[in-house]
Amino acid sequence: MKTKLFALLIFFALPLISNAQQINDEIKLIQSAFGMEKRALVEQYMALPADSGFWPVYEAYEVERRELMKARVLLINEYLEKLPNLTETDADALAIKAMKNNASLNGLTAKHYKKVKKSIGAINAAKFVQLENYVQNTILLAITERLPFIGEL
């Protein structure tokens, strides 16, 4: 399962950093396609009934997560645009935005963990958090590996 997921994430995540012109349309398209694949993965891994109280919580979580990931992609594009002539001010602003985005993603998971736990119990909620962390870390690693470090250009 992890190999299939990693290949899927690479396929959907890597195009996000390539074409800044059409980024909003691309983000929507990729998130839509990835969202369907991700839901299928969550369904398979969690093995919960369709009428489980988990699914409305999951959908609410996904709406908020997509917005945070859209902000992450826009931040990456801003970084790539500014990198060749990066100033102290730019570097500071980008670092602060990245840390806030990370904190927001962690806060979102914590907020929804409580709701998931209430609907399906702690073990299944922990399974969800484990899967979600794996998915998010895989996406972020795939993107990060392609980004140049400051001073590399």
C-alpha atoms as a PDB file:
ATOM      1  CA  MET A   1       0.000   0.000   0.000  1.00  0.00           C
ATOM      2  CA  LYS A   2       2.778   2.462   0.859  1.00  0.00           C
ATOM      3  CA  THR A   3       4.478   1.994  -2.527  1.00  0.00           C
ATOM      4  CA  LYS A   4       1.231   2.642  -4.396  1.00  0.00           C
ATOM      5  CA  LEU A   5       0.520   5.681  -2.241  1.00  0.00           C
ATOM      6  CA  PHE A   6       4.000   7.096  -2.720  1.00  0.00           C
ATOM      7  CA  ALA A   7       3.766   6.749  -6.509  1.00  0.00           C
ATOM      8  CA  LEU A   8       0.338   8.373  -6.482  1.00  0.00           C
ATOM      9  CA  LEU A   9       1.515  11.260  -4.312  1.00  0.00           C
ATOM     10  CA  ILE A  10       4.545  11.901  -6.465  1.00  0.00           C
ATOM     11  CA  PHE A  11       2.357  11.934  -9.564  1.00  0.00           C
ATOM     12  CA  PHE A  12      -0.048  14.470  -8.079  1.00  0.00           C
ATOM     13  CA  ALA A  13       2.298  16.547  -5.936  1.00  0.00           C
ATOM     14  CA  LEU A  14       5.219  17.260  -8.226  1.00  0.00           C
ATOM     15  CA  PRO A  15       3.350  19.170 -10.941  1.00  0.00           C
ATOM     16  CA  LEU A  16       2.341  21.724  -8.306  1.00  0.00           C
ATOM     17  CA  ILE A  17       5.710  23.428  -8.375  1.00  0.00           C
ATOM     18  CA  SER A  18       6.197  23.599 -12.132  1.00  0.00           C
ATOM     19  CA  ASN A  19       3.794  26.147 -13.693  1.00  0.00           C
ATOM     20  CA  ALA A  20       3.236  29.267 -11.639  1.00  0.00           C
ATOM     21  CA  GLN A  21       1.013  30.924 -14.323  1.00  0.00           C
ATOM     22  CA  GLN A  22      -1.932  28.593 -13.943  1.00  0.00           C
ATOM     23  CA  ILE A  23      -1.313  27.606 -10.350  1.00  0.00           C
ATOM     24  CA  ASN A  24      -4.837  28.146  -8.980  1.00  0.00           C
ATOM     25  CA  ASP A  25      -6.473  26.090 -11.741  1.00  0.00           C
ATOM     26  CA  GLU A  26      -3.837  23.404 -11.397  1.00  0.00           C
ATOM     27  CA  ILE A  27      -4.244  23.268  -7.636  1.00  0.00           C
ATOM     28  CA  LYS A  28      -8.001  22.764  -8.003  1.00  0.00           C
ATOM     29  CA  LEU A  29      -7.558  20.089 -10.662  1.00  0.00           C
ATOM     30  CA  ILE A  30      -4.877  18.213  -8.743  1.00  0.00           C
ATOM     31  CA  GLN A  31      -6.725  18.470  -5.444  1.00  0.00           C
ATOM     32  CA  SER A  32      -9.878  17.142  -7.064  1.00  0.00           C
ATOM     33  CA  ALA A  33      -8.147  14.142  -8.609  1.00  0.00           C
ATOM     34  CA  PHE A  34      -5.982  13.532  -5.563  1.00  0.00           C
ATOM     35  CA  GLY A  35      -8.976  13.927  -3.254  1.00  0.00           C
ATOM     36  CA  MET A  36     -10.805  11.080  -4.954  1.00  0.00           C
ATOM     37  CA  GLU A  37      -7.735   8.831  -4.845  1.00  0.00           C
ATOM     38  CA  LYS A  38      -7.009   9.780  -1.258  1.00  0.00           C
ATOM     39  CA  ARG A  39     -10.569   9.041  -0.180  1.00  0.00           C
ATOM     40  CA  ALA A  40     -10.325   5.592  -1.785  1.00  0.00           C
ATOM     41  CA  LEU A  41      -7.088   5.007   0.103  1.00  0.00           C
ATOM     42  CA  VAL A  42      -8.645   6.147   3.390  1.00  0.00           C
ATOM     43  CA  GLU A  43     -11.682   3.925   2.753  1.00  0.00           C
ATOM     44  CA  GLN A  44      -9.421   0.934   2.115  1.00  0.00           C
ATOM     45  CA  TYR A  45      -7.162   1.544   5.100  1.00  0.00           C
ATOM     46  CA  MET A  46      -9.822   2.536   7.615  1.00  0.00           C
ATOM     47  CA  ALA A  47     -12.323  -0.137   6.499  1.00  0.00           C
ATOM     48  CA  LEU A  48     -15.275   1.723   8.002  1.00  0.00           C
ATOM     49  CA  PRO A  49     -18.911   1.371   6.947  1.00  0.00           C
ATOM     50  CA  ALA A  50     -20.271   3.993   4.558  1.00  0.00           C
ATOM     51  CA  ASP A  51     -22.691   5.215   7.228  1.00  0.00           C
ATOM     52  CA  SER A  52     -19.931   5.685   9.801  1.00  0.00           C
ATOM     53  CA  GLY A  53     -19.859   9.014  11.606  1.00  0.00           C
ATOM     54  CA  PHE A  54     -16.265   9.316  10.442  1.00  0.00           C
ATOM     55  CA  TRP A  55     -17.039  10.380   6.873  1.00  0.00           C
ATOM     56  CA  PRO A  56     -18.675  13.747   7.592  1.00  0.00           C
ATOM     57  CA  VAL A  57     -15.744  14.593   9.890  1.00  0.00           C
ATOM     58  CA  TYR A  58     -13.286  13.462   7.203  1.00  0.00           C
ATOM     59  CA  GLU A  59     -14.974  15.625   4.561  1.00  0.00           C
ATOM     60  CA  ALA A  60     -14.865  18.688   6.839  1.00  0.00           C
ATOM     61  CA  TYR A  61     -11.215  17.991   7.561  1.00  0.00           C
ATOM     62  CA  GLU A  62     -10.426  17.694   3.847  1.00  0.00           C
ATOM     63  CA  VAL A  63     -12.028  21.048   3.039  1.00  0.00           C
ATOM     64  CA  GLU A  64      -9.793  22.786   5.563  1.00  0.00           C
ATOM     65  CA  ARG A  65      -6.709  20.729   4.654  1.00  0.00           C
ATOM     66  CA  ARG A  66      -7.054  21.593   0.956  1.00  0.00           C
ATOM     67  CA  GLU A  67      -7.006  25.300   1.792  1.00  0.00           C
ATOM     68  CA  LEU A  68      -3.857  24.905   3.866  1.00  0.00           C
ATOM     69  CA  MET A  69      -2.164  22.874   1.140  1.00  0.00           C
ATOM     70  CA  LYS A  70      -3.177  25.456  -1.457  1.00  0.00           C
ATOM     71  CA  ALA A  71      -1.517  28.086   0.729  1.00  0.00           C
ATOM     72  CA  ARG A  72       1.558  25.824   0.952  1.00  0.00           C
ATOM     73  CA  VAL A  73       1.778  25.536  -2.841  1.00  0.00           C
ATOM     74  CA  LEU A  74       1.383  29.282  -3.284  1.00  0.00           C
ATOM     75  CA  LEU A  75       4.112  29.796  -0.694  1.00  0.00           C
ATOM     76  CA  ILE A  76       6.409  27.416  -2.589  1.00  0.00           C
ATOM     77  CA  ASN A  77       5.797  29.336  -5.781  1.00  0.00           C
ATOM     78  CA  GLU A  78       6.504  32.608  -4.002  1.00  0.00           C
ATOM     79  CA  TYR A  79       9.752  31.102  -2.710  1.00  0.00           C
ATOM     80  CA  LEU A  80      10.772  29.983  -6.206  1.00  0.00           C
ATOM     81  CA  GLU A  81       9.984  33.400  -7.666  1.00  0.00           C
ATOM     82  CA  LYS A  82      11.951  35.270  -5.003  1.00  0.00           C
ATOM     83  CA  LEU A  83      14.841  32.833  -4.616  1.00  0.00           C
ATOM     84  CA  PRO A  84      17.149  34.267  -7.307  1.00  0.00           C
ATOM     85  CA  ASN A  85      17.091  37.706  -5.624  1.00  0.00           C
ATOM     86  CA  LEU A  86      16.125  36.733  -2.086  1.00  0.00           C
ATOM     87  CA  THR A  87      16.377  39.575   0.421  1.00  0.00           C
ATOM     88  CA  GLU A  88      16.570  39.371   4.197  1.00  0.00           C
ATOM     89  CA  THR A  89      12.979  40.611   4.373  1.00  0.00           C
ATOM     90  CA  ASP A  90      11.783  38.014   1.849  1.00  0.00           C
ATOM     91  CA  ALA A  91      13.592  35.178   3.628  1.00  0.00           C
ATOM     92  CA  ASP A  92      12.123  36.201   6.974  1.00  0.00           C
ATOM     93  CA  ALA A  93       8.568  36.498   5.614  1.00  0.00           C
ATOM     94  CA  LEU A  94       8.772  33.156   3.794  1.00  0.00           C
ATOM     95  CA  ALA A  95      10.153  31.343   6.835  1.00  0.00           C
ATOM     96  CA  ILE A  96       7.417  32.755   9.070  1.00  0.00           C
ATOM     97  CA  LYS A  97       4.696  31.829   6.559  1.00  0.00           C
ATOM     98  CA  ALA A  98       6.083  28.286   6.269  1.00  0.00           C
ATOM     99  CA  MET A  99       6.160  27.832  10.051  1.00  0.00           C
ATOM    100  CA  LYS A 100       2.609  29.170  10.381  1.00  0.00           C
ATOM    101  CA  ASN A 101       1.430  26.804   7.647  1.00  0.00           C
ATOM    102  CA  ASN A 102       3.074  23.839   9.401  1.00  0.00           C
ATOM    103  CA  ALA A 103       1.491  24.847  12.706  1.00  0.00           C
ATOM    104  CA  SER A 104      -1.900  25.234  11.037  1.00  0.00           C
ATOM    105  CA  LEU A 105      -1.673  21.754   9.507  1.00  0.00           C
ATOM    106  CA  ASN A 106      -0.753  20.260  12.875  1.00  0.00           C
ATOM    107  CA  GLY A 107      -3.533  22.198  14.574  1.00  0.00           C
ATOM    108  CA  LEU A 108      -6.038  21.022  11.994  1.00  0.00           C
ATOM    109  CA  THR A 109      -5.118  17.396  12.582  1.00  0.00           C
ATOM    110  CA  ALA A 110      -5.382  17.853  16.361  1.00  0.00           C
ATOM    111  CA  LYS A 111      -8.748  19.597  16.057  1.00  0.00           C
ATOM    112  CA  HIS A 112     -10.212  16.867  13.893  1.00  0.00           C
ATOM    113  CA  TYR A 113      -8.602  14.045  15.868  1.00  0.00           C
ATOM    114  CA  LYS A 114     -10.955  14.847  18.723  1.00  0.00           C
ATOM    115  CA  LYS A 115     -13.955  14.676  16.402  1.00  0.00           C
ATOM    116  CA  VAL A 116     -12.754  11.485  14.726  1.00  0.00           C
ATOM    117  CA  LYS A 117     -12.101   9.870  18.112  1.00  0.00           C
ATOM    118  CA  LYS A 118     -15.623  10.745  19.234  1.00  0.00           C
ATOM    119  CA  SER A 119     -17.132   9.182  16.104  1.00  0.00           C
ATOM    120  CA  ILE A 120     -15.031   5.992  15.754  1.00  0.00           C
ATOM    121  CA  GLY A 121     -12.902   5.561  18.883  1.00  0.00           C
ATOM    122  CA  ALA A 122      -9.280   6.213  19.753  1.00  0.00           C
ATOM    123  CA  ILE A 123      -7.710   3.281  17.886  1.00  0.00           C
ATOM    124  CA  ASN A 124      -9.367   4.163  14.595  1.00  0.00           C
ATOM    125  CA  ALA A 125      -8.700   7.858  15.163  1.00  0.00           C
ATOM    126  CA  ALA A 126      -5.026   7.051  15.717  1.00  0.00           C
ATOM    127  CA  LYS A 127      -5.057   5.001  12.494  1.00  0.00           C
ATOM    128  CA  PHE A 128      -6.437   8.013  10.666  1.00  0.00           C
ATOM    129  CA  VAL A 129      -3.802  10.346  12.121  1.00  0.00           C
ATOM    130  CA  GLN A 130      -1.075   7.862  11.241  1.00  0.00           C
ATOM    131  CA  LEU A 131      -2.278   7.618   7.641  1.00  0.00           C
ATOM    132  CA  GLU A 132      -2.760  11.360   7.338  1.00  0.00           C
ATOM    133  CA  ASN A 133       0.730  12.061   8.676  1.00  0.00           C
ATOM    134  CA  TYR A 134       2.175   9.547   6.243  1.00  0.00           C
ATOM    135  CA  VAL A 135       0.348  11.108   3.293  1.00  0.00           C
ATOM    136  CA  GLN A 136       1.264  14.684   4.240  1.00  0.00           C
ATOM    137  CA  ASN A 137       4.898  13.849   4.981  1.00  0.00           C
ATOM    138  CA  THR A 138       5.237  11.954   1.707  1.00  0.00           C
ATOM    139  CA  ILE A 139       3.831  14.877  -0.275  1.00  0.00           C
ATOM    140  CA  LEU A 140       5.995  17.410   1.514  1.00  0.00           C
ATOM    141  CA  LEU A 141       9.112  15.281   1.127  1.00  0.00           C
ATOM    142  CA  ALA A 142       8.479  14.830  -2.597  1.00  0.00           C
ATOM    143  CA  ILE A 143       8.098  18.567  -3.060  1.00  0.00           C
ATOM    144  CA  THR A 144      10.969  19.521  -0.756  1.00  0.00           C
ATOM    145  CA  GLU A 145      13.394  17.206  -2.539  1.00  0.00           C
ATOM    146  CA  ARG A 146      12.786  19.161  -5.733  1.00  0.00           C
ATOM    147  CA  LEU A 147      13.201  22.619  -4.209  1.00  0.00           C
ATOM    148  CA  PRO A 148      16.579  24.297  -4.314  1.00  0.00           C
ATOM    149  CA  PHE A 149      18.067  25.380  -1.006  1.00  0.00           C
ATOM    150  CA  ILE A 150      18.753  29.057  -0.441  1.00  0.00           C
ATOM    151  CA  GLY A 151      22.107  29.814  -2.060  1.00  0.00           C
ATOM    152  CA  GLU A 152      22.034  26.852  -4.448  1.00  0.00           C
ATOM    153  CA  LEU A 153      21.167  28.855  -7.557  1.00  0.00           C
END
